[in-house]
Amino acid sequence: MTPLTEQELHQLAMNIVGQEMEEQGFEFLAINSKPKKDPQFVALKNKKLHFVVVRAIKYPINPVEYDEKLMTTVRDHAIKYKARTYFAGVGLANSRDYEMPVHHEDDYVVNFAGLIEVK
């Protein structure tokens, strides 16, 4: 069984967050799918600019906890553009055994609490 690579896990997280944002009425201005090239999404909603940082988080790490230093840097950058800043941590685990890596052949479990605003 082949575990998903870091890039594949990131793409999966990006798809989950992007779909959620689309359902909430966000209009995408820029999408950056490279891991750690922040923000991943620059989007408009209600004529307001939003920066969204996406991270694929492996079990057992809590997907709502984020790197405060990184997010403060992104937030400070967003303020220059009058944008709001969000963290989107997507917890991913193998559905058969949370301790195993996520594989191409297995289903997976998603733990995504939505966009968390960084103020």
Protein backbone atom coordinates (compact mmCIF):
# COMPACT_ATOMS: atom_id res chain seq x y z
CA MET A 1 0.00 0.00 0.00
CA THR A 2 1.27 3.41 -0.98
CA PRO A 3 0.79 6.24 1.53
CA LEU A 4 -0.22 9.63 0.17
CA THR A 5 2.71 12.02 -0.21
CA GLU A 6 2.81 15.36 1.61
CA GLN A 7 1.80 17.07 -1.66
CA GLU A 8 -1.15 14.68 -2.15
CA LEU A 9 -2.33 15.23 1.44
CA HIS A 10 -2.07 18.98 0.87
CA GLN A 11 -4.06 18.73 -2.40
CA LEU A 12 -6.74 16.73 -0.59
CA ALA A 13 -6.96 19.40 2.13
CA MET A 14 -7.08 22.16 -0.53
CA ASN A 15 -9.98 20.40 -2.30
CA ILE A 16 -11.93 20.02 0.95
CA VAL A 17 -11.42 23.68 1.94
CA GLY A 18 -12.01 24.98 -1.60
CA GLN A 19 -15.29 23.09 -1.88
CA GLU A 20 -16.45 24.43 1.50
CA MET A 21 -15.54 28.00 0.50
CA GLU A 22 -17.33 27.64 -2.82
CA GLU A 23 -20.49 26.46 -1.01
CA GLN A 24 -20.24 29.54 1.24
CA GLY A 25 -20.16 31.87 -1.76
CA PHE A 26 -16.47 32.80 -1.92
CA GLU A 27 -15.09 33.98 -5.25
CA PHE A 28 -11.49 32.85 -5.78
CA LEU A 29 -8.99 35.47 -6.96
CA ALA A 30 -5.83 33.38 -6.48
CA ILE A 31 -5.12 29.77 -5.56
CA ASN A 32 -1.68 28.58 -4.56
CA SER A 33 -1.46 24.83 -4.17
CA LYS A 34 2.17 24.70 -3.01
CA PRO A 35 2.44 23.62 0.62
CA LYS A 36 3.79 26.35 2.90
CA LYS A 37 3.43 29.03 0.18
CA ASP A 38 0.94 31.17 2.05
CA PRO A 39 -1.88 32.03 1.74
CA GLN A 40 -3.31 29.16 -0.33
CA PHE A 41 -6.54 31.01 -1.16
CA VAL A 42 -7.14 34.69 -1.80
CA ALA A 43 -10.88 35.15 -2.18
CA LEU A 44 -13.69 37.68 -2.15
CA LYS A 45 -16.96 37.38 -0.26
CA ASN A 46 -19.40 40.26 0.21
CA LYS A 47 -16.81 42.55 -1.46
CA LYS A 48 -14.33 41.78 1.34
CA LEU A 49 -10.90 40.22 0.73
CA HIS A 50 -10.01 36.99 2.57
CA PHE A 51 -6.64 35.20 2.94
CA VAL A 52 -6.87 31.51 3.82
CA VAL A 53 -3.96 29.33 4.94
CA VAL A 54 -4.61 25.59 4.43
CA ARG A 55 -2.78 22.78 6.22
CA ALA A 56 -3.23 19.01 6.00
CA ILE A 57 -2.87 17.76 9.58
CA LYS A 58 -2.07 14.13 10.33
CA TYR A 59 -3.68 12.31 13.25
CA PRO A 60 -3.25 12.70 16.28
CA ILE A 61 -2.44 16.44 15.92
CA ASN A 62 -5.40 18.75 16.55
CA PRO A 63 -6.34 20.45 13.24
CA VAL A 64 -7.67 23.61 14.91
CA GLU A 65 -4.31 24.46 16.48
CA TYR A 66 -2.07 26.57 14.27
CA ASP A 67 1.39 28.10 14.20
CA GLU A 68 0.74 31.50 15.80
CA LYS A 69 3.95 33.06 14.46
CA LEU A 70 3.11 32.05 10.87
CA MET A 71 -0.49 33.19 11.14
CA THR A 72 0.52 36.53 12.68
CA THR A 73 2.86 37.10 9.72
CA VAL A 74 0.08 36.26 7.23
CA ARG A 75 -2.42 38.42 9.18
CA ASP A 76 -0.04 41.38 9.21
CA HIS A 77 0.37 41.01 5.43
CA ALA A 78 -3.41 40.74 4.99
CA ILE A 79 -4.02 43.95 6.97
CA LYS A 80 -2.10 45.89 4.30
CA TYR A 81 -4.76 44.74 1.81
CA LYS A 82 -7.65 45.24 4.26
CA ALA A 83 -8.15 41.46 4.16
CA ARG A 84 -9.38 39.06 6.82
CA THR A 85 -7.15 36.09 7.66
CA TYR A 86 -8.23 32.51 8.23
CA PHE A 87 -6.63 29.20 9.12
CA ALA A 88 -8.10 26.01 7.66
CA GLY A 89 -6.61 22.91 9.28
CA VAL A 90 -7.85 19.68 7.76
CA GLY A 91 -7.29 16.63 9.95
CA LEU A 92 -6.80 13.47 7.90
CA ALA A 93 -6.63 9.90 9.17
CA ASN A 94 -6.86 6.37 7.79
CA SER A 95 -10.43 5.21 8.45
CA ARG A 96 -9.37 1.62 9.16
CA ASP A 97 -6.72 2.56 11.71
CA TYR A 98 -6.02 6.15 12.73
CA GLU A 99 -2.42 5.23 13.54
CA MET A 100 -1.74 4.17 9.93
CA PRO A 101 -0.87 6.68 7.19
CA VAL A 102 -3.58 7.67 4.71
CA HIS A 103 -3.25 5.32 1.70
CA HIS A 104 -4.50 5.44 -1.87
CA GLU A 105 -6.30 2.12 -1.27
CA ASP A 106 -8.11 3.06 1.97
CA ASP A 107 -10.89 5.43 2.89
CA TYR A 108 -9.97 8.34 5.11
CA VAL A 109 -11.62 10.36 7.86
CA VAL A 110 -11.76 14.16 7.67
CA ASN A 111 -11.78 16.43 10.72
CA PHE A 112 -12.43 19.96 9.45
CA ALA A 113 -13.98 22.58 11.73
CA GLY A 114 -14.25 25.21 9.00
CA LEU A 115 -12.40 28.49 8.58
CA ILE A 116 -10.91 29.87 11.81
CA GLU A 117 -10.46 33.63 11.76
CA VAL A 118 -7.11 34.93 13.01
CA LYS A 119 -7.52 38.37 14.58
